[in-house]
């Protein structure tokens, strides 16, 4: 997974899954967001002072949409 040079400035009260849903359309991408923002893994609810890196989930989408025999093990 690569990170793209974008950041997201969450509002106070947002959560990982609500941000993932708003930005990527799926709450499951909260995991990828946590992986590229290890300094904030102790946060469940954002304070509004964070600068979150946004992961490039296009590789994940390709993996999910690929036929089972095309997925890497």
PDB file of N, CA and C in Angstrom:
ATOM      1  N   UNK A   1       0.836  -1.165   0.000  1.00  0.00           N
ATOM      2  CA  UNK A   1       0.000   0.000   0.000  1.00  0.00           C
ATOM      3  C   UNK A   1       0.888   1.237   0.000  1.00  0.00           C
ATOM      4  N   UNK A   2       0.565   2.198  -0.855  1.00  0.00           N
ATOM      5  CA  UNK A   2       1.294   3.452  -0.919  1.00  0.00           C
ATOM      6  C   UNK A   2       0.417   4.557  -0.340  1.00  0.00           C
ATOM      7  N   UNK A   3       1.054   5.604   0.123  1.00  0.00           N
ATOM      8  CA  UNK A   3       0.281   6.763   0.537  1.00  0.00           C
ATOM      9  C   UNK A   3       0.404   7.822  -0.539  1.00  0.00           C
ATOM     10  N   UNK A   4      -0.653   8.539  -0.744  1.00  0.00           N
ATOM     11  CA  UNK A   4      -0.630   9.628  -1.693  1.00  0.00           C
ATOM     12  C   UNK A   4      -0.446  10.915  -0.905  1.00  0.00           C
ATOM     13  N   UNK A   5       0.082  11.933  -1.525  1.00  0.00           N
ATOM     14  CA  UNK A   5       0.431  13.145  -0.764  1.00  0.00           C
ATOM     15  C   UNK A   5      -0.773  14.014  -0.417  1.00  0.00           C
ATOM     16  N   UNK A   6      -1.780  13.412   0.136  1.00  0.00           N
ATOM     17  CA  UNK A   6      -2.960  14.150   0.552  1.00  0.00           C
ATOM     18  C   UNK A   6      -3.148  13.966   2.040  1.00  0.00           C
ATOM     19  N   UNK A   7      -3.676  14.976   2.667  1.00  0.00           N
ATOM     20  CA  UNK A   7      -3.996  14.875   4.083  1.00  0.00           C
ATOM     21  C   UNK A   7      -5.458  15.244   4.269  1.00  0.00           C
ATOM     22  N   UNK A   8      -5.996  14.765   5.351  1.00  0.00           N
ATOM     23  CA  UNK A   8      -7.374  15.074   5.709  1.00  0.00           C
ATOM     24  C   UNK A   8      -7.350  15.682   7.100  1.00  0.00           C
ATOM     25  N   UNK A   9      -8.042  16.768   7.270  1.00  0.00           N
ATOM     26  CA  UNK A   9      -8.139  17.435   8.559  1.00  0.00           C
ATOM     27  C   UNK A   9      -9.520  17.137   9.126  1.00  0.00           C
ATOM     28  N   UNK A  10      -9.607  16.142  10.000  1.00  0.00           N
ATOM     29  CA  UNK A  10     -10.921  15.756  10.507  1.00  0.00           C
ATOM     30  C   UNK A  10     -11.493  16.793  11.472  1.00  0.00           C
ATOM     31  N   UNK A  11     -12.792  16.820  11.533  1.00  0.00           N
ATOM     32  CA  UNK A  11     -13.481  17.669  12.505  1.00  0.00           C
ATOM     33  C   UNK A  11     -13.543  16.921  13.832  1.00  0.00           C
ATOM     34  N   UNK A  12     -13.649  17.655  14.899  1.00  0.00           N
ATOM     35  CA  UNK A  12     -13.800  17.038  16.221  1.00  0.00           C
ATOM     36  C   UNK A  12     -15.060  16.169  16.209  1.00  0.00           C
ATOM     37  N   UNK A  13     -14.916  14.958  16.722  1.00  0.00           N
ATOM     38  CA  UNK A  13     -16.051  14.051  16.804  1.00  0.00           C
ATOM     39  C   UNK A  13     -16.098  13.004  15.706  1.00  0.00           C
ATOM     40  N   UNK A  14     -15.342  13.202  14.629  1.00  0.00           N
ATOM     41  CA  UNK A  14     -15.323  12.190  13.581  1.00  0.00           C
ATOM     42  C   UNK A  14     -14.591  10.955  14.075  1.00  0.00           C
ATOM     43  N   UNK A  15     -14.914   9.824  13.482  1.00  0.00           N
ATOM     44  CA  UNK A  15     -14.267   8.558  13.827  1.00  0.00           C
ATOM     45  C   UNK A  15     -13.605   7.984  12.581  1.00  0.00           C
ATOM     46  N   UNK A  16     -12.752   6.988  12.783  1.00  0.00           N
ATOM     47  CA  UNK A  16     -12.060   6.371  11.647  1.00  0.00           C
ATOM     48  C   UNK A  16     -13.057   5.844  10.616  1.00  0.00           C
ATOM     49  N   UNK A  17     -14.069   5.145  11.088  1.00  0.00           N
ATOM     50  CA  UNK A  17     -15.005   4.561  10.131  1.00  0.00           C
ATOM     51  C   UNK A  17     -15.872   5.614   9.456  1.00  0.00           C
ATOM     52  N   UNK A  18     -16.220   6.688  10.145  1.00  0.00           N
ATOM     53  CA  UNK A  18     -17.024   7.726   9.498  1.00  0.00           C
ATOM     54  C   UNK A  18     -16.192   8.463   8.443  1.00  0.00           C
ATOM     55  N   UNK A  19     -14.907   8.659   8.716  1.00  0.00           N
ATOM     56  CA  UNK A  19     -14.027   9.302   7.739  1.00  0.00           C
ATOM     57  C   UNK A  19     -13.851   8.399   6.520  1.00  0.00           C
ATOM     58  N   UNK A  20     -13.593   7.114   6.754  1.00  0.00           N
ATOM     59  CA  UNK A  20     -13.427   6.162   5.651  1.00  0.00           C
ATOM     60  C   UNK A  20     -14.693   6.109   4.794  1.00  0.00           C
ATOM     61  N   UNK A  21     -15.840   6.116   5.424  1.00  0.00           N
ATOM     62  CA  UNK A  21     -17.103   6.085   4.692  1.00  0.00           C
ATOM     63  C   UNK A  21     -17.275   7.349   3.856  1.00  0.00           C
ATOM     64  N   UNK A  22     -16.957   8.489   4.438  1.00  0.00           N
ATOM     65  CA  UNK A  22     -17.115   9.761   3.733  1.00  0.00           C
ATOM     66  C   UNK A  22     -16.144   9.891   2.557  1.00  0.00           C
ATOM     67  N   UNK A  23     -14.902   9.432   2.742  1.00  0.00           N
ATOM     68  CA  UNK A  23     -13.886   9.614   1.710  1.00  0.00           C
ATOM     69  C   UNK A  23     -13.834   8.499   0.677  1.00  0.00           C
ATOM     70  N   UNK A  24     -14.067   7.268   1.127  1.00  0.00           N
ATOM     71  CA  UNK A  24     -13.898   6.116   0.245  1.00  0.00           C
ATOM     72  C   UNK A  24     -15.201   5.365  -0.038  1.00  0.00           C
ATOM     73  N   UNK A  25     -16.258   5.704   0.687  1.00  0.00           N
ATOM     74  CA  UNK A  25     -17.531   5.033   0.471  1.00  0.00           C
ATOM     75  C   UNK A  25     -17.670   3.697   1.166  1.00  0.00           C
ATOM     76  N   UNK A  26     -16.671   3.319   1.964  1.00  0.00           N
ATOM     77  CA  UNK A  26     -16.724   2.044   2.696  1.00  0.00           C
ATOM     78  C   UNK A  26     -16.020   2.215   4.032  1.00  0.00           C
ATOM     79  N   UNK A  27     -16.675   1.828   5.099  1.00  0.00           N
ATOM     80  CA  UNK A  27     -16.080   1.976   6.421  1.00  0.00           C
ATOM     81  C   UNK A  27     -14.902   1.039   6.616  1.00  0.00           C
ATOM     82  N   UNK A  28     -14.839  -0.034   5.832  1.00  0.00           N
ATOM     83  CA  UNK A  28     -13.752  -1.009   5.983  1.00  0.00           C
ATOM     84  C   UNK A  28     -12.370  -0.404   5.717  1.00  0.00           C
ATOM     85  N   UNK A  29     -12.295   0.701   5.017  1.00  0.00           N
ATOM     86  CA  UNK A  29     -11.004   1.324   4.737  1.00  0.00           C
ATOM     87  C   UNK A  29     -10.421   2.057   5.942  1.00  0.00           C
ATOM     88  N   UNK A  30     -11.128   2.040   7.046  1.00  0.00           N
ATOM     89  CA  UNK A  30     -10.575   2.613   8.280  1.00  0.00           C
ATOM     90  C   UNK A  30      -9.277   1.897   8.643  1.00  0.00           C
ATOM     91  N   UNK A  31      -9.197   0.618   8.367  1.00  0.00           N
ATOM     92  CA  UNK A  31      -7.990  -0.164   8.662  1.00  0.00           C
ATOM     93  C   UNK A  31      -6.783   0.391   7.904  1.00  0.00           C
ATOM     94  N   UNK A  32      -6.957   0.656   6.612  1.00  0.00           N
ATOM     95  CA  UNK A  32      -5.859   1.204   5.819  1.00  0.00           C
ATOM     96  C   UNK A  32      -5.448   2.579   6.328  1.00  0.00           C
ATOM     97  N   UNK A  33      -6.431   3.367   6.745  1.00  0.00           N
ATOM     98  CA  UNK A  33      -6.130   4.692   7.279  1.00  0.00           C
ATOM     99  C   UNK A  33      -5.328   4.582   8.574  1.00  0.00           C
ATOM    100  N   UNK A  34      -5.680   3.652   9.413  1.00  0.00           N
ATOM    101  CA  UNK A  34      -4.936   3.440  10.656  1.00  0.00           C
ATOM    102  C   UNK A  34      -3.500   3.006  10.372  1.00  0.00           C
ATOM    103  N   UNK A  35      -3.305   2.178   9.350  1.00  0.00           N
ATOM    104  CA  UNK A  35      -1.961   1.687   9.026  1.00  0.00           C
ATOM    105  C   UNK A  35      -1.015   2.809   8.616  1.00  0.00           C
ATOM    106  N   UNK A  36      -1.518   3.829   7.943  1.00  0.00           N
ATOM    107  CA  UNK A  36      -0.640   4.909   7.494  1.00  0.00           C
ATOM    108  C   UNK A  36      -0.613   6.084   8.479  1.00  0.00           C
ATOM    109  N   UNK A  37      -1.345   5.952   9.576  1.00  0.00           N
ATOM    110  CA  UNK A  37      -1.371   6.990  10.604  1.00  0.00           C
ATOM    111  C   UNK A  37      -1.148   6.385  11.994  1.00  0.00           C
ATOM    112  N   UNK A  38      -0.043   5.666  12.195  1.00  0.00           N
ATOM    113  CA  UNK A  38       0.156   4.962  13.467  1.00  0.00           C
ATOM    114  C   UNK A  38       0.227   5.887  14.677  1.00  0.00           C
ATOM    115  N   UNK A  39       0.553   7.140  14.471  1.00  0.00           N
ATOM    116  CA  UNK A  39       0.632   8.076  15.595  1.00  0.00           C
ATOM    117  C   UNK A  39      -0.737   8.374  16.205  1.00  0.00           C
ATOM    118  N   UNK A  40      -1.805   8.002  15.511  1.00  0.00           N
ATOM    119  CA  UNK A  40      -3.159   8.277  16.011  1.00  0.00           C
ATOM    120  C   UNK A  40      -3.947   7.014  16.336  1.00  0.00           C
ATOM    121  N   UNK A  41      -3.282   5.890  16.446  1.00  0.00           N
ATOM    122  CA  UNK A  41      -4.020   4.648  16.693  1.00  0.00           C
ATOM    123  C   UNK A  41      -4.690   4.599  18.053  1.00  0.00           C
ATOM    124  N   UNK A  42      -4.309   5.496  18.932  1.00  0.00           N
ATOM    125  CA  UNK A  42      -4.952   5.536  20.246  1.00  0.00           C
ATOM    126  C   UNK A  42      -6.251   6.333  20.226  1.00  0.00           C
ATOM    127  N   UNK A  43      -6.591   6.932  19.091  1.00  0.00           N
ATOM    128  CA  UNK A  43      -7.793   7.763  18.977  1.00  0.00           C
ATOM    129  C   UNK A  43      -8.946   6.973  18.371  1.00  0.00           C
ATOM    130  N   UNK A  44     -10.048   7.024  19.032  1.00  0.00           N
ATOM    131  CA  UNK A  44     -11.277   6.472  18.470  1.00  0.00           C
ATOM    132  C   UNK A  44     -12.090   7.622  17.882  1.00  0.00           C
ATOM    133  N   UNK A  45     -12.147   8.708  18.632  1.00  0.00           N
ATOM    134  CA  UNK A  45     -12.852   9.914  18.206  1.00  0.00           C
ATOM    135  C   UNK A  45     -11.810  11.013  18.009  1.00  0.00           C
ATOM    136  N   UNK A  46     -11.874  11.652  16.856  1.00  0.00           N
ATOM    137  CA  UNK A  46     -10.898  12.692  16.536  1.00  0.00           C
ATOM    138  C   UNK A  46     -11.150  13.956  17.357  1.00  0.00           C
ATOM    139  N   UNK A  47     -10.057  14.641  17.645  1.00  0.00           N
ATOM    140  CA  UNK A  47     -10.135  15.891  18.411  1.00  0.00           C
ATOM    141  C   UNK A  47     -10.294  17.106  17.506  1.00  0.00           C
ATOM    142  N   UNK A  48      -9.977  16.930  16.233  1.00  0.00           N
ATOM    143  CA  UNK A  48     -10.039  18.031  15.291  1.00  0.00           C
ATOM    144  C   UNK A  48      -8.700  18.710  15.094  1.00  0.00           C
ATOM    145  N   UNK A  49      -7.649  18.155  15.704  1.00  0.00           N
ATOM    146  CA  UNK A  49      -6.302  18.721  15.571  1.00  0.00           C
ATOM    147  C   UNK A  49      -5.379  17.816  14.756  1.00  0.00           C
ATOM    148  N   UNK A  50      -5.890  16.697  14.283  1.00  0.00           N
ATOM    149  CA  UNK A  50      -5.075  15.707  13.569  1.00  0.00           C
ATOM    150  C   UNK A  50      -4.884  16.109  12.097  1.00  0.00           C
ATOM    151  N   UNK A  51      -3.799  15.625  11.538  1.00  0.00           N
ATOM    152  CA  UNK A  51      -3.535  15.708  10.088  1.00  0.00           C
ATOM    153  C   UNK A  51      -3.345  14.268   9.629  1.00  0.00           C
ATOM    154  N   UNK A  52      -4.360  13.712   9.021  1.00  0.00           N
ATOM    155  CA  UNK A  52      -4.321  12.310   8.624  1.00  0.00           C
ATOM    156  C   UNK A  52      -3.814  12.158   7.198  1.00  0.00           C
ATOM    157  N   UNK A  53      -2.875  11.238   7.014  1.00  0.00           N
ATOM    158  CA  UNK A  53      -2.447  10.861   5.667  1.00  0.00           C
ATOM    159  C   UNK A  53      -3.549   9.995   5.078  1.00  0.00           C
ATOM    160  N   UNK A  54      -3.764  10.132   3.793  1.00  0.00           N
ATOM    161  CA  UNK A  54      -4.782   9.320   3.130  1.00  0.00           C
ATOM    162  C   UNK A  54      -4.116   8.216   2.322  1.00  0.00           C
ATOM    163  N   UNK A  55      -4.486   6.965   2.585  1.00  0.00           N
ATOM    164  CA  UNK A  55      -3.889   5.861   1.835  1.00  0.00           C
ATOM    165  C   UNK A  55      -4.474   5.752   0.437  1.00  0.00           C
ATOM    166  N   UNK A  56      -3.671   5.235  -0.474  1.00  0.00           N
ATOM    167  CA  UNK A  56      -4.133   4.918  -1.816  1.00  0.00           C
ATOM    168  C   UNK A  56      -4.764   3.539  -1.743  1.00  0.00           C
ATOM    169  N   UNK A  57      -6.063   3.474  -1.848  1.00  0.00           N
ATOM    170  CA  UNK A  57      -6.756   2.190  -1.716  1.00  0.00           C
ATOM    171  C   UNK A  57      -7.050   1.560  -3.068  1.00  0.00           C
ATOM    172  N   UNK A  58      -6.536   2.138  -4.146  1.00  0.00           N
ATOM    173  CA  UNK A  58      -6.815   1.576  -5.464  1.00  0.00           C
ATOM    174  C   UNK A  58      -6.273   0.157  -5.589  1.00  0.00           C
ATOM    175  N   UNK A  59      -5.118  -0.121  -4.959  1.00  0.00           N
ATOM    176  CA  UNK A  59      -4.578  -1.483  -4.993  1.00  0.00           C
ATOM    177  C   UNK A  59      -5.500  -2.437  -4.249  1.00  0.00           C
ATOM    178  N   UNK A  60      -6.065  -1.985  -3.146  1.00  0.00           N
ATOM    179  CA  UNK A  60      -6.996  -2.809  -2.379  1.00  0.00           C
ATOM    180  C   UNK A  60      -8.238  -3.081  -3.200  1.00  0.00           C
ATOM    181  N   UNK A  61      -8.750  -2.057  -3.887  1.00  0.00           N
ATOM    182  CA  UNK A  61      -9.930  -2.238  -4.719  1.00  0.00           C
ATOM    183  C   UNK A  61      -9.663  -3.234  -5.838  1.00  0.00           C
ATOM    184  N   UNK A  62      -8.480  -3.159  -6.447  1.00  0.00           N
ATOM    185  CA  UNK A  62      -8.138  -4.105  -7.503  1.00  0.00           C
ATOM    186  C   UNK A  62      -8.094  -5.523  -6.956  1.00  0.00           C
ATOM    187  N   UNK A  63      -7.535  -5.706  -5.771  1.00  0.00           N
ATOM    188  CA  UNK A  63      -7.468  -7.030  -5.146  1.00  0.00           C
ATOM    189  C   UNK A  63      -8.875  -7.567  -4.902  1.00  0.00           C
ATOM    190  N   UNK A  64      -9.778  -6.718  -4.400  1.00  0.00           N
ATOM    191  CA  UNK A  64     -11.132  -7.158  -4.073  1.00  0.00           C
ATOM    192  C   UNK A  64     -11.934  -7.507  -5.315  1.00  0.00           C
ATOM    193  N   UNK A  65     -11.707  -6.776  -6.410  1.00  0.00           N
ATOM    194  CA  UNK A  65     -12.508  -7.002  -7.605  1.00  0.00           C
ATOM    195  C   UNK A  65     -11.914  -8.066  -8.517  1.00  0.00           C
ATOM    196  N   UNK A  66     -10.698  -8.500  -8.237  1.00  0.00           N
ATOM    197  CA  UNK A  66     -10.056  -9.498  -9.084  1.00  0.00           C
ATOM    198  C   UNK A  66     -10.671 -10.871  -8.839  1.00  0.00           C
ATOM    199  N   UNK A  67     -10.601 -11.685  -9.871  1.00  0.00           N
ATOM    200  CA  UNK A  67     -11.044 -13.070  -9.739  1.00  0.00           C
ATOM    201  C   UNK A  67     -10.155 -13.766  -8.715  1.00  0.00           C
ATOM    202  N   UNK A  68     -10.673 -14.766  -8.000  1.00  0.00           N
ATOM    203  CA  UNK A  68      -9.890 -15.428  -6.941  1.00  0.00           C
ATOM    204  C   UNK A  68      -8.524 -15.930  -7.394  1.00  0.00           C
ATOM    205  N   UNK A  69      -8.415 -16.407  -8.623  1.00  0.00           N
ATOM    206  CA  UNK A  69      -7.135 -16.924  -9.097  1.00  0.00           C
ATOM    207  C   UNK A  69      -6.147 -15.812  -9.461  1.00  0.00           C
ATOM    208  N   UNK A  70      -6.621 -14.541  -9.502  1.00  0.00           N
ATOM    209  CA  UNK A  70      -5.734 -13.426  -9.790  1.00  0.00           C
ATOM    210  C   UNK A  70      -5.214 -12.747  -8.520  1.00  0.00           C
ATOM    211  N   UNK A  71      -5.778 -13.093  -7.382  1.00  0.00           N
ATOM    212  CA  UNK A  71      -5.355 -12.495  -6.126  1.00  0.00           C
ATOM    213  C   UNK A  71      -4.027 -13.070  -5.699  1.00  0.00           C
ATOM    214  N   UNK A  72      -3.191 -12.190  -5.133  1.00  0.00           N
ATOM    215  CA  UNK A  72      -1.913 -12.651  -4.614  1.00  0.00           C
ATOM    216  C   UNK A  72      -2.131 -13.371  -3.297  1.00  0.00           C
ATOM    217  N   UNK A  73      -1.347 -14.359  -3.057  1.00  0.00           N
ATOM    218  CA  UNK A  73      -1.487 -15.133  -1.810  1.00  0.00           C
ATOM    219  C   UNK A  73      -0.743 -14.460  -0.696  1.00  0.00           C
TER     220      UNK A  73
END
